[in-house]
Amino acid sequence: MLQCPVMRTATVHRKTRETDIRVTIDLDGSGRTSIQTPVPFLSHMVDQIGRHGLFDLTVEATGDVEIDGHHTTEDLGIVLGQAVAQALGERHGIQRYGWATLPMDEARSTVSLDLGGRAFFVVENPLRGGKLGTFDLELEEVFFEAFARGAQANLHLVHEAGRIAHHMIEISFKAFAKALMQATRIDPRIVGVPSTKGTLTQ
């Protein structure tokens, strides 16, 4: 793994009347995680991001889950995105783009990502109607859209195959982790930011 001379870490805390979320990330970690949310399946999925992206990731989240998991899921996506953006700084030397297609049994997902400073999210074949524990299936889309806003990233998710919702969502999070790992990595051949504009931040 390339060693970055600058510590690319960040802690973001966001508190509203609906949620209280703190995220700490080290982009050049080894996959150590501590994930605490009131939505068990969400905790399981966010753990995948740290472990498969080799990010050291700590999440402490509470929220109004007596209503449902929407606010907690969305706000965690926002805060994680903001933490990634802060850890990247001016985004000098990063690969910027990342993509991964991964299988899990009958399911297969592709995630492509651009850390180019412009927020946009696209999902093809989104999941609708149903739950995994207390996690509504459409909250997968909510999380990734919120991350794209928080990180100022362009994120595309495609559910290419699958019948079992657990597999489809889990492999999407793992593909996201691999794409994010690639996009955030430093390439020593890149001088400054990889953009003809000269900036990847707004």
Protein backbone atom coordinates (compact mmCIF):
# COMPACT_ATOMS: atom_id res chain seq x y z
CA MET A 1 0.00 0.00 0.00
CA LEU A 2 1.29 3.45 -0.87
CA GLN A 3 2.16 5.46 2.21
CA CYS A 4 0.80 8.99 2.23
CA PRO A 5 3.08 11.57 3.96
CA VAL A 6 0.06 13.58 5.13
CA MET A 7 -2.44 12.14 7.60
CA ARG A 8 -5.69 11.86 5.70
CA THR A 9 -8.08 11.66 8.61
CA ALA A 10 -11.19 13.52 9.66
CA THR A 11 -13.85 13.58 12.34
CA VAL A 12 -17.28 15.05 11.61
CA HIS A 13 -20.03 15.50 14.19
CA ARG A 14 -23.57 16.42 13.16
CA LYS A 15 -26.40 16.84 15.65
CA THR A 16 -30.00 17.70 14.82
CA ARG A 17 -33.33 17.17 16.55
CA GLU A 18 -33.55 13.86 14.69
CA THR A 19 -30.04 12.39 14.88
CA ASP A 20 -26.66 12.68 16.60
CA ILE A 21 -23.86 11.24 14.47
CA ARG A 22 -20.08 11.25 14.78
CA VAL A 23 -17.81 9.69 12.16
CA THR A 24 -14.02 9.36 12.23
CA ILE A 25 -12.18 8.02 9.18
CA ASP A 26 -8.58 7.34 8.21
CA LEU A 27 -8.36 6.86 4.45
CA ASP A 28 -5.00 5.11 4.77
CA GLY A 29 -6.00 2.66 7.46
CA SER A 30 -6.14 -1.12 7.59
CA GLY A 31 -9.86 -1.80 7.90
CA ARG A 32 -10.31 -1.39 11.65
CA THR A 33 -13.92 -0.54 12.42
CA SER A 34 -16.23 0.31 15.30
CA ILE A 35 -19.77 0.87 14.08
CA GLN A 36 -22.64 1.69 16.42
CA THR A 37 -26.04 2.65 15.02
CA PRO A 38 -29.58 1.85 16.18
CA VAL A 39 -30.27 0.03 12.88
CA PRO A 40 -28.44 -3.34 12.97
CA PHE A 41 -28.45 -3.99 9.22
CA LEU A 42 -27.16 -0.46 8.56
CA SER A 43 -24.34 -1.07 11.04
CA HIS A 44 -23.49 -4.30 9.23
CA MET A 45 -23.38 -2.52 5.86
CA VAL A 46 -21.28 0.43 7.03
CA ASP A 47 -18.86 -2.05 8.60
CA GLN A 48 -18.36 -3.47 5.08
CA ILE A 49 -17.19 -0.04 3.87
CA GLY A 50 -14.38 0.10 6.40
CA ARG A 51 -13.31 -3.51 6.15
CA HIS A 52 -13.36 -3.87 2.36
CA GLY A 53 -12.13 -0.34 1.66
CA LEU A 54 -9.31 -0.67 4.22
CA PHE A 55 -10.46 2.49 5.96
CA ASP A 56 -10.19 2.82 9.72
CA LEU A 57 -13.75 3.85 10.51
CA THR A 58 -15.55 4.73 13.72
CA VAL A 59 -19.27 5.53 13.73
CA GLU A 60 -21.39 6.54 16.71
CA ALA A 61 -24.97 7.24 15.68
CA THR A 62 -28.28 7.67 17.44
CA GLY A 63 -31.57 8.71 15.89
CA ASP A 64 -35.34 8.71 15.98
CA VAL A 65 -35.72 5.08 14.93
CA GLU A 66 -39.00 4.90 16.83
CA ILE A 67 -40.33 6.68 13.70
CA ASP A 68 -38.24 4.71 11.20
CA GLY A 69 -34.63 4.39 10.07
CA HIS A 70 -34.75 7.03 7.34
CA HIS A 71 -33.28 10.00 9.22
CA THR A 72 -30.46 7.96 10.74
CA THR A 73 -29.54 6.34 7.43
CA GLU A 74 -29.62 9.59 5.46
CA ASP A 75 -27.71 11.62 8.03
CA LEU A 76 -25.07 8.92 8.41
CA GLY A 77 -24.57 8.97 4.63
CA ILE A 78 -24.16 12.76 4.72
CA VAL A 79 -21.70 12.70 7.62
CA LEU A 80 -19.62 9.86 6.16
CA GLY A 81 -19.44 11.75 2.88
CA GLN A 82 -18.37 14.94 4.66
CA ALA A 83 -15.70 13.03 6.59
CA VAL A 84 -14.29 11.57 3.37
CA ALA A 85 -14.28 15.04 1.78
CA GLN A 86 -12.46 16.56 4.77
CA ALA A 87 -9.92 13.74 4.89
CA LEU A 88 -9.18 14.25 1.18
CA GLY A 89 -8.36 17.93 1.70
CA GLU A 90 -7.56 19.56 -1.65
CA ARG A 91 -7.62 16.08 -3.25
CA HIS A 92 -4.06 16.41 -4.54
CA GLY A 93 -2.66 13.23 -6.06
CA ILE A 94 -5.78 11.10 -5.73
CA GLN A 95 -6.85 8.71 -8.45
CA ARG A 96 -10.27 10.45 -8.34
CA TYR A 97 -12.16 7.68 -10.16
CA GLY A 98 -13.01 4.27 -8.80
CA TRP A 99 -15.16 1.38 -9.94
CA ALA A 100 -15.88 -2.20 -8.97
CA THR A 101 -18.14 -5.04 -10.08
CA LEU A 102 -18.50 -7.75 -7.45
CA PRO A 103 -20.54 -10.94 -7.10
CA MET A 104 -22.17 -12.50 -4.05
CA ASP A 105 -23.88 -15.79 -4.82
CA GLU A 106 -26.71 -14.93 -7.24
CA ALA A 107 -26.26 -11.15 -6.84
CA ARG A 108 -23.91 -8.82 -8.72
CA SER A 109 -23.49 -5.04 -8.41
CA THR A 110 -21.39 -2.37 -10.05
CA VAL A 111 -20.44 0.91 -8.41
CA SER A 112 -18.59 3.70 -10.23
CA LEU A 113 -17.45 6.83 -8.47
CA ASP A 114 -15.94 10.22 -9.30
CA LEU A 115 -14.60 12.38 -6.47
CA GLY A 116 -14.69 15.36 -8.80
CA GLY A 117 -16.48 17.85 -6.56
CA ARG A 118 -19.90 17.55 -8.20
CA ALA A 119 -22.68 15.76 -6.36
CA PHE A 120 -24.85 13.41 -8.41
CA PHE A 121 -26.36 9.99 -7.75
CA VAL A 122 -27.85 7.43 -10.13
CA VAL A 123 -29.23 4.01 -9.29
CA GLU A 124 -30.37 1.43 -11.82
CA ASN A 125 -32.82 -1.29 -10.77
CA PRO A 126 -33.43 0.16 -7.27
CA LEU A 127 -34.88 -2.03 -4.53
CA ARG A 128 -38.38 -1.21 -3.35
CA GLY A 129 -40.87 -2.50 -0.80
CA GLY A 130 -39.68 -4.77 1.96
CA LYS A 131 -37.42 -4.88 5.00
CA LEU A 132 -34.27 -6.54 6.24
CA GLY A 133 -34.85 -6.48 9.96
CA THR A 134 -35.75 -2.83 10.65
CA PHE A 135 -34.01 -1.64 7.46
CA ASP A 136 -36.32 -0.59 4.62
CA LEU A 137 -34.88 -1.70 1.28
CA GLU A 138 -35.12 1.77 -0.27
CA LEU A 139 -32.81 3.10 2.46
CA GLU A 140 -29.88 1.70 0.47
CA GLU A 141 -30.61 4.35 -2.16
CA VAL A 142 -31.12 7.00 0.54
CA PHE A 143 -27.70 6.25 2.06
CA PHE A 144 -25.74 6.42 -1.20
CA GLU A 145 -27.50 9.56 -2.41
CA ALA A 146 -26.70 11.23 0.91
CA PHE A 147 -23.06 10.16 0.69
CA ALA A 148 -22.79 11.66 -2.79
CA ARG A 149 -24.09 14.98 -1.44
CA GLY A 150 -21.81 14.95 1.59
CA ALA A 151 -18.67 14.01 -0.35
CA GLN A 152 -19.50 16.10 -3.43
CA ALA A 153 -19.14 12.93 -5.49
CA ASN A 154 -20.74 11.47 -8.59
CA LEU A 155 -21.91 7.97 -7.68
CA HIS A 156 -23.58 5.38 -9.89
CA LEU A 157 -24.96 2.10 -8.55
CA VAL A 158 -26.26 -0.71 -10.76
CA HIS A 159 -27.95 -3.82 -9.41
CA GLU A 160 -26.98 -6.14 -12.24
CA ALA A 161 -28.39 -9.40 -10.91
CA GLY A 162 -29.92 -10.90 -7.81
CA ARG A 163 -33.00 -12.31 -6.11
CA ILE A 164 -32.11 -12.13 -2.42
CA ALA A 165 -32.27 -8.56 -1.12
CA HIS A 166 -29.66 -9.15 1.60
CA HIS A 167 -27.12 -10.29 -0.99
CA MET A 168 -27.98 -7.47 -3.39
CA ILE A 169 -27.51 -4.72 -0.82
CA GLU A 170 -24.46 -6.26 0.83
CA ILE A 171 -22.57 -6.68 -2.44
CA SER A 172 -23.47 -3.11 -3.37
CA PHE A 173 -21.83 -1.83 -0.18
CA LYS A 174 -18.78 -3.99 -0.79
CA ALA A 175 -18.49 -2.74 -4.38
CA PHE A 176 -18.85 0.82 -3.06
CA ALA A 177 -16.03 0.17 -0.60
CA LYS A 178 -13.72 -1.07 -3.35
CA ALA A 179 -14.59 1.85 -5.66
CA LEU A 180 -14.05 4.37 -2.87
CA MET A 181 -10.73 2.76 -1.92
CA GLN A 182 -9.53 3.09 -5.52
CA ALA A 183 -10.75 6.68 -5.95
CA THR A 184 -9.15 7.93 -2.72
CA ARG A 185 -5.76 6.29 -3.25
CA ILE A 186 -2.72 8.44 -3.92
CA ASP A 187 -0.91 7.92 -7.23
CA PRO A 188 2.66 9.33 -7.06
CA ARG A 189 2.57 10.08 -10.78
CA ILE A 190 -0.24 12.61 -10.32
CA VAL A 191 0.94 16.17 -9.70
CA GLY A 192 -1.65 18.39 -8.05
CA VAL A 193 -5.27 17.54 -8.68
CA PRO A 194 -6.37 15.27 -11.55
CA SER A 195 -8.51 17.88 -13.28
CA THR A 196 -8.03 20.31 -16.16
CA LYS A 197 -9.89 22.86 -14.02
CA GLY A 198 -7.16 22.79 -11.40
CA THR A 199 -9.56 22.04 -8.55
CA LEU A 200 -11.81 19.23 -7.36
CA THR A 201 -13.48 21.21 -4.60
CA GLN A 202 -16.10 23.92 -4.71
